[in-house]
PDB file of N, CA and C in Angstrom:
ATOM      1  N   MET A   1       0.834  -1.166   0.003  1.00  0.00           N
ATOM      2  CA  MET A   1       0.035  -0.024  -0.004  1.00  0.00           C
ATOM      3  C   MET A   1       0.940   1.191  -0.024  1.00  0.00           C
ATOM      4  N   ILE A   2       0.735   2.123  -0.958  1.00  0.00           N
ATOM      5  CA  ILE A   2       1.645   3.355  -1.091  1.00  0.00           C
ATOM      6  C   ILE A   2       1.381   4.329   0.066  1.00  0.00           C
ATOM      7  N   GLU A   3       0.341   4.299   0.632  1.00  0.00           N
ATOM      8  CA  GLU A   3       0.136   5.215   1.793  1.00  0.00           C
ATOM      9  C   GLU A   3       1.119   4.936   2.913  1.00  0.00           C
ATOM     10  N   ASN A   4       1.357   3.599   3.095  1.00  0.00           N
ATOM     11  CA  ASN A   4       2.386   3.159   4.142  1.00  0.00           C
ATOM     12  C   ASN A   4       3.638   3.796   3.741  1.00  0.00           C
ATOM     13  N   GLU A   5       4.065   3.735   2.545  1.00  0.00           N
ATOM     14  CA  GLU A   5       5.441   4.388   2.187  1.00  0.00           C
ATOM     15  C   GLU A   5       5.506   5.774   2.341  1.00  0.00           C
ATOM     16  N   ILE A   6       4.287   6.486   1.976  1.00  0.00           N
ATOM     17  CA  ILE A   6       4.221   7.981   2.118  1.00  0.00           C
ATOM     18  C   ILE A   6       4.479   8.272   3.675  1.00  0.00           C
ATOM     19  N   PHE A   7       3.666   7.642   4.513  1.00  0.00           N
ATOM     20  CA  PHE A   7       3.752   7.983   6.035  1.00  0.00           C
ATOM     21  C   PHE A   7       5.016   7.662   6.604  1.00  0.00           C
ATOM     22  N   ARG A   8       5.552   6.531   6.048  1.00  0.00           N
ATOM     23  CA  ARG A   8       6.924   6.050   6.642  1.00  0.00           C
ATOM     24  C   ARG A   8       7.980   7.139   6.223  1.00  0.00           C
ATOM     25  N   ALA A   9       7.864   7.590   5.059  1.00  0.00           N
ATOM     26  CA  ALA A   9       8.870   8.591   4.559  1.00  0.00           C
ATOM     27  C   ALA A   9       8.722   9.891   5.375  1.00  0.00           C
ATOM     28  N   LEU A  10       7.468  10.294   5.686  1.00  0.00           N
ATOM     29  CA  LEU A  10       7.270  11.525   6.281  1.00  0.00           C
ATOM     30  C   LEU A  10       7.494  11.309   7.901  1.00  0.00           C
ATOM     31  N   ALA A  11       7.642  10.099   8.231  1.00  0.00           N
ATOM     32  CA  ALA A  11       7.776   9.951   9.652  1.00  0.00           C
ATOM     33  C   ALA A  11       9.069  10.470  10.309  1.00  0.00           C
ATOM     34  N   ASP A  12      10.055  10.513   9.387  1.00  0.00           N
ATOM     35  CA  ASP A  12      11.407  11.105   9.740  1.00  0.00           C
ATOM     36  C   ASP A  12      11.330  12.624   9.726  1.00  0.00           C
ATOM     37  N   PRO A  13      11.739  13.204  10.845  1.00  0.00           N
ATOM     38  CA  PRO A  13      11.749  14.731  10.926  1.00  0.00           C
ATOM     39  C   PRO A  13      12.540  15.466   9.955  1.00  0.00           C
ATOM     40  N   THR A  14      13.625  14.887   9.536  1.00  0.00           N
ATOM     41  CA  THR A  14      14.484  15.365   8.533  1.00  0.00           C
ATOM     42  C   THR A  14      13.896  15.492   7.153  1.00  0.00           C
ATOM     43  N   ARG A  15      13.267  14.209   6.741  1.00  0.00           N
ATOM     44  CA  ARG A  15      12.568  14.298   5.513  1.00  0.00           C
ATOM     45  C   ARG A  15      11.329  15.231   5.476  1.00  0.00           C
ATOM     46  N   ARG A  16      10.672  15.336   6.571  1.00  0.00           N
ATOM     47  CA  ARG A  16       9.591  16.341   6.647  1.00  0.00           C
ATOM     48  C   ARG A  16      10.050  17.722   6.334  1.00  0.00           C
ATOM     49  N   ALA A  17      11.271  18.025   7.046  1.00  0.00           N
ATOM     50  CA  ALA A  17      11.718  19.375   6.725  1.00  0.00           C
ATOM     51  C   ALA A  17      12.144  19.597   5.270  1.00  0.00           C
ATOM     52  N   ILE A  18      12.689  18.634   4.642  1.00  0.00           N
ATOM     53  CA  ILE A  18      13.037  18.558   3.285  1.00  0.00           C
ATOM     54  C   ILE A  18      11.787  18.821   2.428  1.00  0.00           C
ATOM     55  N   PHE A  19      10.776  17.950   2.663  1.00  0.00           N
ATOM     56  CA  PHE A  19       9.540  18.040   2.058  1.00  0.00           C
ATOM     57  C   PHE A  19       8.884  19.483   2.107  1.00  0.00           C
ATOM     58  N   GLU A  20       8.966  20.075   3.339  1.00  0.00           N
ATOM     59  CA  GLU A  20       8.389  21.372   3.548  1.00  0.00           C
ATOM     60  C   GLU A  20       9.069  22.334   2.726  1.00  0.00           C
ATOM     61  N   LYS A  21      10.467  22.345   2.681  1.00  0.00           N
ATOM     62  CA  LYS A  21      11.245  23.315   1.962  1.00  0.00           C
ATOM     63  C   LYS A  21      10.775  23.146   0.390  1.00  0.00           C
ATOM     64  N   LEU A  22      10.617  21.881   0.035  1.00  0.00           N
ATOM     65  CA  LEU A  22      10.267  21.618  -1.480  1.00  0.00           C
ATOM     66  C   LEU A  22       8.804  22.138  -1.774  1.00  0.00           C
ATOM     67  N   ALA A  23       8.053  22.248  -0.774  1.00  0.00           N
ATOM     68  CA  ALA A  23       6.674  22.830  -0.897  1.00  0.00           C
ATOM     69  C   ALA A  23       6.712  24.308  -1.291  1.00  0.00           C
ATOM     70  N   LEU A  24       7.814  24.909  -1.086  1.00  0.00           N
ATOM     71  CA  LEU A  24       8.032  26.313  -1.375  1.00  0.00           C
ATOM     72  C   LEU A  24       8.369  26.477  -2.815  1.00  0.00           C
ATOM     73  N   GLY A  25       8.889  25.435  -3.427  1.00  0.00           N
ATOM     74  CA  GLY A  25       9.366  25.537  -4.761  1.00  0.00           C
ATOM     75  C   GLY A  25      10.529  24.608  -4.967  1.00  0.00           C
ATOM     76  N   GLN A  26      10.792  24.421  -6.339  1.00  0.00           N
ATOM     77  CA  GLN A  26      11.947  23.487  -6.665  1.00  0.00           C
ATOM     78  C   GLN A  26      13.316  23.906  -6.174  1.00  0.00           C
ATOM     79  N   MET A  27      14.123  23.013  -5.924  1.00  0.00           N
ATOM     80  CA  MET A  27      15.463  23.339  -5.381  1.00  0.00           C
ATOM     81  C   MET A  27      16.324  22.131  -5.645  1.00  0.00           C
ATOM     82  N   ASN A  28      17.632  22.496  -5.671  1.00  0.00           N
ATOM     83  CA  ASN A  28      18.648  21.452  -5.806  1.00  0.00           C
ATOM     84  C   ASN A  28      19.055  21.017  -4.444  1.00  0.00           C
ATOM     85  N   ALA A  29      19.878  19.930  -4.437  1.00  0.00           N
ATOM     86  CA  ALA A  29      20.348  19.362  -3.120  1.00  0.00           C
ATOM     87  C   ALA A  29      20.992  20.316  -2.198  1.00  0.00           C
ATOM     88  N   SER A  30      21.870  21.129  -2.840  1.00  0.00           N
ATOM     89  CA  SER A  30      22.685  22.051  -2.058  1.00  0.00           C
ATOM     90  C   SER A  30      21.844  23.056  -1.410  1.00  0.00           C
ATOM     91  N   ALA A  31      20.758  23.615  -2.084  1.00  0.00           N
ATOM     92  CA  ALA A  31      19.915  24.440  -1.543  1.00  0.00           C
ATOM     93  C   ALA A  31      19.077  23.984  -0.520  1.00  0.00           C
ATOM     94  N   LEU A  32      18.749  22.695  -0.671  1.00  0.00           N
ATOM     95  CA  LEU A  32      17.924  22.022   0.445  1.00  0.00           C
ATOM     96  C   LEU A  32      18.692  21.728   1.670  1.00  0.00           C
ATOM     97  N   ARG A  33      20.101  21.563   1.508  1.00  0.00           N
ATOM     98  CA  ARG A  33      20.830  21.399   2.745  1.00  0.00           C
ATOM     99  C   ARG A  33      20.960  22.555   3.616  1.00  0.00           C
ATOM    100  N   GLU A  34      20.730  23.792   3.025  1.00  0.00           N
ATOM    101  CA  GLU A  34      20.897  25.044   3.878  1.00  0.00           C
ATOM    102  C   GLU A  34      19.956  24.985   4.973  1.00  0.00           C
ATOM    103  N   GLY A  35      20.435  25.132   6.206  1.00  0.00           N
ATOM    104  CA  GLY A  35      19.660  25.209   7.438  1.00  0.00           C
ATOM    105  C   GLY A  35      19.300  23.841   8.073  1.00  0.00           C
ATOM    106  N   ILE A  36      19.882  22.743   7.225  1.00  0.00           N
ATOM    107  CA  ILE A  36      19.696  21.330   7.767  1.00  0.00           C
ATOM    108  C   ILE A  36      21.073  20.830   7.943  1.00  0.00           C
ATOM    109  N   GLU A  37      21.456  20.456   9.081  1.00  0.00           N
ATOM    110  CA  GLU A  37      22.750  19.982   9.388  1.00  0.00           C
ATOM    111  C   GLU A  37      22.966  18.419   9.013  1.00  0.00           C
ATOM    112  N   ILE A  38      23.034  18.184   7.678  1.00  0.00           N
ATOM    113  CA  ILE A  38      23.306  16.899   7.230  1.00  0.00           C
ATOM    114  C   ILE A  38      24.280  16.792   6.005  1.00  0.00           C
ATOM    115  N   SER A  39      24.934  15.693   5.791  1.00  0.00           N
ATOM    116  CA  SER A  39      25.887  15.649   4.760  1.00  0.00           C
ATOM    117  C   SER A  39      25.187  15.364   3.321  1.00  0.00           C
ATOM    118  N   GLN A  40      25.983  15.600   2.329  1.00  0.00           N
ATOM    119  CA  GLN A  40      25.396  15.515   1.016  1.00  0.00           C
ATOM    120  C   GLN A  40      24.921  14.008   0.815  1.00  0.00           C
ATOM    121  N   PRO A  41      25.691  13.049   1.162  1.00  0.00           N
ATOM    122  CA  PRO A  41      25.189  11.734   1.075  1.00  0.00           C
ATOM    123  C   PRO A  41      23.927  11.366   1.811  1.00  0.00           C
ATOM    124  N   ALA A  42      23.811  11.994   3.002  1.00  0.00           N
ATOM    125  CA  ALA A  42      22.430  11.743   3.801  1.00  0.00           C
ATOM    126  C   ALA A  42      21.391  12.429   3.010  1.00  0.00           C
ATOM    127  N   MET A  43      21.537  13.632   2.400  1.00  0.00           N
ATOM    128  CA  MET A  43      20.583  14.331   1.800  1.00  0.00           C
ATOM    129  C   MET A  43      20.183  13.539   0.546  1.00  0.00           C
ATOM    130  N   SER A  44      20.997  12.918  -0.165  1.00  0.00           N
ATOM    131  CA  SER A  44      20.749  12.167  -1.269  1.00  0.00           C
ATOM    132  C   SER A  44      19.901  10.927  -0.837  1.00  0.00           C
ATOM    133  N   GLN A  45      20.186  10.363   0.300  1.00  0.00           N
ATOM    134  CA  GLN A  45      19.482   9.185   0.755  1.00  0.00           C
ATOM    135  C   GLN A  45      18.005   9.523   1.062  1.00  0.00           C
ATOM    136  N   HIS A  46      17.844  10.646   1.786  1.00  0.00           N
ATOM    137  CA  HIS A  46      16.547  11.154   2.094  1.00  0.00           C
ATOM    138  C   HIS A  46      15.720  11.405   0.958  1.00  0.00           C
ATOM    139  N   LEU A  47      16.362  12.115   0.031  1.00  0.00           N
ATOM    140  CA  LEU A  47      15.689  12.473  -1.270  1.00  0.00           C
ATOM    141  C   LEU A  47      15.192  11.149  -2.046  1.00  0.00           C
ATOM    142  N   ALA A  48      16.106  10.049  -1.955  1.00  0.00           N
ATOM    143  CA  ALA A  48      15.726   8.808  -2.598  1.00  0.00           C
ATOM    144  C   ALA A  48      14.506   8.158  -1.898  1.00  0.00           C
ATOM    145  N   VAL A  49      14.374   8.304  -0.590  1.00  0.00           N
ATOM    146  CA  VAL A  49      13.243   7.760   0.091  1.00  0.00           C
ATOM    147  C   VAL A  49      11.997   8.524  -0.240  1.00  0.00           C
ATOM    148  N   LEU A  50      12.145   9.847  -0.287  1.00  0.00           N
ATOM    149  CA  LEU A  50      10.893  10.666  -0.747  1.00  0.00           C
ATOM    150  C   LEU A  50      10.515  10.415  -2.204  1.00  0.00           C
ATOM    151  N   ARG A  51      11.569  10.210  -3.123  1.00  0.00           N
ATOM    152  CA  ARG A  51      11.112   9.849  -4.457  1.00  0.00           C
ATOM    153  C   ARG A  51      10.458   8.489  -4.513  1.00  0.00           C
ATOM    154  N   SER A  52      11.028   7.555  -3.793  1.00  0.00           N
ATOM    155  CA  SER A  52      10.385   6.222  -3.818  1.00  0.00           C
ATOM    156  C   SER A  52       8.939   6.144  -3.223  1.00  0.00           C
ATOM    157  N   ALA A  53       8.713   7.022  -2.355  1.00  0.00           N
ATOM    158  CA  ALA A  53       7.312   7.204  -1.767  1.00  0.00           C
ATOM    159  C   ALA A  53       6.421   7.915  -2.717  1.00  0.00           C
ATOM    160  N   GLY A  54       6.951   8.502  -3.813  1.00  0.00           N
ATOM    161  CA  GLY A  54       6.144   9.293  -4.808  1.00  0.00           C
ATOM    162  C   GLY A  54       5.805  10.678  -4.262  1.00  0.00           C
ATOM    163  N   LEU A  55       6.634  11.225  -3.283  1.00  0.00           N
ATOM    164  CA  LEU A  55       6.373  12.561  -2.864  1.00  0.00           C
ATOM    165  C   LEU A  55       7.151  13.586  -3.476  1.00  0.00           C
ATOM    166  N   VAL A  56       8.229  13.113  -4.103  1.00  0.00           N
ATOM    167  CA  VAL A  56       9.199  14.162  -4.719  1.00  0.00           C
ATOM    168  C   VAL A  56       9.597  13.605  -6.128  1.00  0.00           C
ATOM    169  N   ARG A  57       9.822  14.493  -6.981  1.00  0.00           N
ATOM    170  CA  ARG A  57      10.388  14.102  -8.415  1.00  0.00           C
ATOM    171  C   ARG A  57      11.419  14.909  -8.691  1.00  0.00           C
ATOM    172  N   GLU A  58      12.273  14.520  -9.623  1.00  0.00           N
ATOM    173  CA  GLU A  58      13.527  15.232  -9.941  1.00  0.00           C
ATOM    174  C   GLU A  58      13.591  15.477 -11.372  1.00  0.00           C
ATOM    175  N   HIS A  59      14.236  16.488 -11.887  1.00  0.00           N
ATOM    176  CA  HIS A  59      14.652  16.713 -13.320  1.00  0.00           C
ATOM    177  C   HIS A  59      16.005  17.475 -13.446  1.00  0.00           C
ATOM    178  N   ARG A  60      16.608  17.031 -14.361  1.00  0.00           N
ATOM    179  CA  ARG A  60      17.977  17.590 -14.713  1.00  0.00           C
ATOM    180  C   ARG A  60      17.880  18.886 -15.587  1.00  0.00           C
ATOM    181  N   GLU A  61      18.752  19.782 -15.090  1.00  0.00           N
ATOM    182  CA  GLU A  61      19.068  20.986 -15.890  1.00  0.00           C
ATOM    183  C   GLU A  61      20.537  21.091 -16.131  1.00  0.00           C
ATOM    184  N   GLY A  62      21.082  20.595 -17.095  1.00  0.00           N
ATOM    185  CA  GLY A  62      22.506  20.496 -17.405  1.00  0.00           C
ATOM    186  C   GLY A  62      23.035  19.461 -16.402  1.00  0.00           C
ATOM    187  N   ARG A  63      23.998  19.926 -15.625  1.00  0.00           N
ATOM    188  CA  ARG A  63      24.712  18.998 -14.631  1.00  0.00           C
ATOM    189  C   ARG A  63      23.960  18.985 -13.259  1.00  0.00           C
ATOM    190  N   PHE A  64      23.007  19.899 -13.160  1.00  0.00           N
ATOM    191  CA  PHE A  64      22.254  20.073 -11.822  1.00  0.00           C
ATOM    192  C   PHE A  64      20.993  19.216 -11.916  1.00  0.00           C
ATOM    193  N   VAL A  65      20.589  18.692 -10.676  1.00  0.00           N
ATOM    194  CA  VAL A  65      19.306  17.966 -10.504  1.00  0.00           C
ATOM    195  C   VAL A  65      18.469  18.898  -9.498  1.00  0.00           C
ATOM    196  N   ASN A  66      17.286  19.226 -10.052  1.00  0.00           N
ATOM    197  CA  ASN A  66      16.400  20.051  -9.180  1.00  0.00           C
ATOM    198  C   ASN A  66      15.339  19.080  -8.795  1.00  0.00           C
ATOM    199  N   TYR A  67      14.743  19.156  -7.533  1.00  0.00           N
ATOM    200  CA  TYR A  67      13.813  18.482  -6.943  1.00  0.00           C
ATOM    201  C   TYR A  67      12.503  19.350  -6.711  1.00  0.00           C
ATOM    202  N   GLU A  68      11.323  18.595  -6.704  1.00  0.00           N
ATOM    203  CA  GLU A  68      10.124  19.359  -6.442  1.00  0.00           C
ATOM    204  C   GLU A  68       9.125  18.281  -5.910  1.00  0.00           C
ATOM    205  N   VAL A  69       8.065  18.899  -5.185  1.00  0.00           N
ATOM    206  CA  VAL A  69       7.022  18.091  -4.753  1.00  0.00           C
ATOM    207  C   VAL A  69       6.308  17.400  -5.985  1.00  0.00           C
ATOM    208  N   ASP A  70       6.007  16.151  -5.781  1.00  0.00           N
ATOM    209  CA  ASP A  70       5.139  15.460  -6.895  1.00  0.00           C
ATOM    210  C   ASP A  70       3.684  15.557  -6.441  1.00  0.00           C
ATOM    211  N   PRO A  71       2.890  16.251  -7.328  1.00  0.00           N
ATOM    212  CA  PRO A  71       1.499  16.422  -6.898  1.00  0.00           C
ATOM    213  C   PRO A  71       0.739  15.094  -6.742  1.00  0.00           C
ATOM    214  N   LYS A  72       1.229  13.975  -7.470  1.00  0.00           N
ATOM    215  CA  LYS A  72       0.561  12.766  -7.393  1.00  0.00           C
ATOM    216  C   LYS A  72       0.696  12.229  -5.992  1.00  0.00           C
ATOM    217  N   GLY A  73       1.899  12.363  -5.376  1.00  0.00           N
ATOM    218  CA  GLY A  73       1.969  11.870  -3.946  1.00  0.00           C
ATOM    219  C   GLY A  73       1.064  12.699  -3.025  1.00  0.00           C
ATOM    220  N   LEU A  74       0.949  14.103  -3.225  1.00  0.00           N
ATOM    221  CA  LEU A  74       0.080  14.747  -2.414  1.00  0.00           C
ATOM    222  C   LEU A  74      -1.323  14.320  -2.626  1.00  0.00           C
ATOM    223  N   ALA A  75      -1.804  14.029  -3.894  1.00  0.00           N
ATOM    224  CA  ALA A  75      -3.095  13.570  -4.083  1.00  0.00           C
ATOM    225  C   ALA A  75      -3.442  12.253  -3.349  1.00  0.00           C
ATOM    226  N   LEU A  76      -2.580  11.418  -3.101  1.00  0.00           N
ATOM    227  CA  LEU A  76      -2.655  10.142  -2.339  1.00  0.00           C
ATOM    228  C   LEU A  76      -2.914  10.454  -0.971  1.00  0.00           C
ATOM    229  N   ILE A  77      -2.160  11.438  -0.420  1.00  0.00           N
ATOM    230  CA  ILE A  77      -2.357  11.792   1.023  1.00  0.00           C
ATOM    231  C   ILE A  77      -3.667  12.429   1.152  1.00  0.00           C
ATOM    232  N   ALA A  78      -4.148  13.315   0.280  1.00  0.00           N
ATOM    233  CA  ALA A  78      -5.385  13.915   0.306  1.00  0.00           C
ATOM    234  C   ALA A  78      -6.559  12.911   0.241  1.00  0.00           C
ATOM    235  N   GLN A  79      -6.319  11.854  -0.686  1.00  0.00           N
ATOM    236  CA  GLN A  79      -7.469  10.786  -0.695  1.00  0.00           C
ATOM    237  C   GLN A  79      -7.573   9.990   0.525  1.00  0.00           C
ATOM    238  N   TRP A  80      -6.405   9.815   1.157  1.00  0.00           N
ATOM    239  CA  TRP A  80      -6.309   8.953   2.465  1.00  0.00           C
ATOM    240  C   TRP A  80      -7.086   9.948   3.564  1.00  0.00           C
ATOM    241  N   LEU A  81      -6.780  11.201   3.568  1.00  0.00           N
ATOM    242  CA  LEU A  81      -7.344  12.049   4.669  1.00  0.00           C
ATOM    243  C   LEU A  81      -8.880  12.198   4.405  1.00  0.00           C
ATOM    244  N   ALA A  82      -9.271  12.181   3.105  1.00  0.00           N
ATOM    245  CA  ALA A  82     -10.743  12.412   2.838  1.00  0.00           C
ATOM    246  C   ALA A  82     -11.565  11.351   3.429  1.00  0.00           C
ATOM    247  N   LYS A  83     -11.028  10.168   3.635  1.00  0.00           N
ATOM    248  CA  LYS A  83     -11.805   9.039   4.318  1.00  0.00           C
ATOM    249  C   LYS A  83     -12.283   9.441   5.706  1.00  0.00           C
ATOM    250  N   TYR A  84     -11.416  10.269   6.339  1.00  0.00           N
ATOM    251  CA  TYR A  84     -11.568  10.644   7.752  1.00  0.00           C
ATOM    252  C   TYR A  84     -12.181  11.957   7.990  1.00  0.00           C
ATOM    253  N   ARG A  85     -12.343  12.732   6.835  1.00  0.00           N
ATOM    254  CA  ARG A  85     -12.875  14.074   6.936  1.00  0.00           C
ATOM    255  C   ARG A  85     -14.268  14.116   7.565  1.00  0.00           C
ATOM    256  N   ALA A  86     -15.135  13.121   7.174  1.00  0.00           N
ATOM    257  CA  ALA A  86     -16.576  13.091   7.703  1.00  0.00           C
ATOM    258  C   ALA A  86     -16.541  12.966   9.228  1.00  0.00           C
ATOM    259  N   TYR A  87     -15.550  12.405   9.770  1.00  0.00           N
ATOM    260  CA  TYR A  87     -15.426  12.043  11.296  1.00  0.00           C
ATOM    261  C   TYR A  87     -15.299  13.289  12.077  1.00  0.00           C
ATOM    262  N   TRP A  88     -14.630  14.286  11.580  1.00  0.00           N
ATOM    263  CA  TRP A  88     -14.241  15.524  12.391  1.00  0.00           C
ATOM    264  C   TRP A  88     -15.339  16.365  12.691  1.00  0.00           C
ATOM    265  N   PRO A  89     -16.251  16.752  11.867  1.00  0.00           N
ATOM    266  CA  PRO A  89     -17.414  17.692  12.341  1.00  0.00           C
ATOM    267  C   PRO A  89     -18.155  17.145  13.420  1.00  0.00           C
ATOM    268  N   ALA A  90     -18.531  15.879  13.467  1.00  0.00           N
ATOM    269  CA  ALA A  90     -19.206  15.296  14.556  1.00  0.00           C
ATOM    270  C   ALA A  90     -18.401  15.392  15.778  1.00  0.00           C
ATOM    271  N   ARG A  91     -17.178  15.082  15.871  1.00  0.00           N
ATOM    272  CA  ARG A  91     -16.228  15.110  16.932  1.00  0.00           C
ATOM    273  C   ARG A  91     -16.063  16.538  17.486  1.00  0.00           C
ATOM    274  N   MET A  92     -16.014  17.494  16.592  1.00  0.00           N
ATOM    275  CA  MET A  92     -16.026  18.939  17.007  1.00  0.00           C
ATOM    276  C   MET A  92     -17.175  19.407  17.653  1.00  0.00           C
ATOM    277  N   GLU A  93     -18.386  18.965  17.192  1.00  0.00           N
ATOM    278  CA  GLU A  93     -19.547  19.317  17.810  1.00  0.00           C
ATOM    279  C   GLU A  93     -19.627  18.693  19.143  1.00  0.00           C
ATOM    280  N   ALA A  94     -19.192  17.417  19.282  1.00  0.00           N
ATOM    281  CA  ALA A  94     -19.245  16.769  20.585  1.00  0.00           C
ATOM    282  C   ALA A  94     -18.316  17.442  21.651  1.00  0.00           C
ATOM    283  N   LEU A  95     -17.210  17.883  21.108  1.00  0.00           N
ATOM    284  CA  LEU A  95     -16.214  18.709  21.895  1.00  0.00           C
ATOM    285  C   LEU A  95     -16.788  19.984  22.368  1.00  0.00           C
ATOM    286  N   GLU A  96     -17.464  20.655  21.421  1.00  0.00           N
ATOM    287  CA  GLU A  96     -18.080  22.087  21.717  1.00  0.00           C
ATOM    288  C   GLU A  96     -19.112  21.870  22.750  1.00  0.00           C
ATOM    289  N   GLY A  97     -19.923  20.814  22.665  1.00  0.00           N
ATOM    290  CA  GLY A  97     -20.952  20.492  23.691  1.00  0.00           C
ATOM    291  C   GLY A  97     -20.356  20.180  24.999  1.00  0.00           C
ATOM    292  N   LEU A  98     -19.350  19.424  25.028  1.00  0.00           N
ATOM    293  CA  LEU A  98     -18.709  19.090  26.274  1.00  0.00           C
ATOM    294  C   LEU A  98     -17.991  20.437  26.899  1.00  0.00           C
ATOM    295  N   LEU A  99     -17.411  21.276  26.127  1.00  0.00           N
ATOM    296  CA  LEU A  99     -16.896  22.488  26.698  1.00  0.00           C
ATOM    297  C   LEU A  99     -17.846  23.448  27.163  1.00  0.00           C
ATOM    298  N   LYS A 100     -19.045  23.475  26.475  1.00  0.00           N
ATOM    299  CA  LYS A 100     -20.190  24.360  27.060  1.00  0.00           C
ATOM    300  C   LYS A 100     -20.700  23.762  28.336  1.00  0.00           C
ATOM    301  N   ASP A 101     -20.883  22.535  28.485  1.00  0.00           N
ATOM    302  CA  ASP A 101     -21.256  21.738  29.730  1.00  0.00           C
ATOM    303  C   ASP A 101     -20.237  22.053  30.898  1.00  0.00           C
ATOM    304  N   MET A 102     -18.955  22.215  30.560  1.00  0.00           N
ATOM    305  CA  MET A 102     -17.963  22.418  31.606  1.00  0.00           C
ATOM    306  C   MET A 102     -17.945  23.809  32.006  1.00  0.00           C
ATOM    307  N   ASP A 103     -18.267  24.719  31.159  1.00  0.00           N
ATOM    308  CA  ASP A 103     -18.354  26.152  31.504  1.00  0.00           C
ATOM    309  C   ASP A 103     -19.584  26.414  32.462  1.00  0.00           C
ATOM    310  N   GLN A 104     -20.646  25.615  32.515  1.00  0.00           N
ATOM    311  CA  GLN A 104     -21.717  25.918  33.226  1.00  0.00           C
ATOM    312  C   GLN A 104     -21.695  25.386  34.656  1.00  0.00           C
TER     313      GLN A 104
END
């Protein structure tokens, strides 16, 4: 199941930080390393995991490789979350009722 790979990839805080930087726009590995204390080989490994999960894609421009968020991976996350979206309004209403009861 691809969702397992996505959540496994995002379970690592470094990969989440990389993914969040890429959400701002495409970057190469050197730009991604700015502000993150990891080596170039570690960055390559994290990017490989994100690519394997379908969250990041790469494209070459000359000798440089740029990375960006893959919208298909985001769509899979959105589909997974949509299954649970109906659950939250009822839970929020119950919480609101509980908080009102506690105030009285």
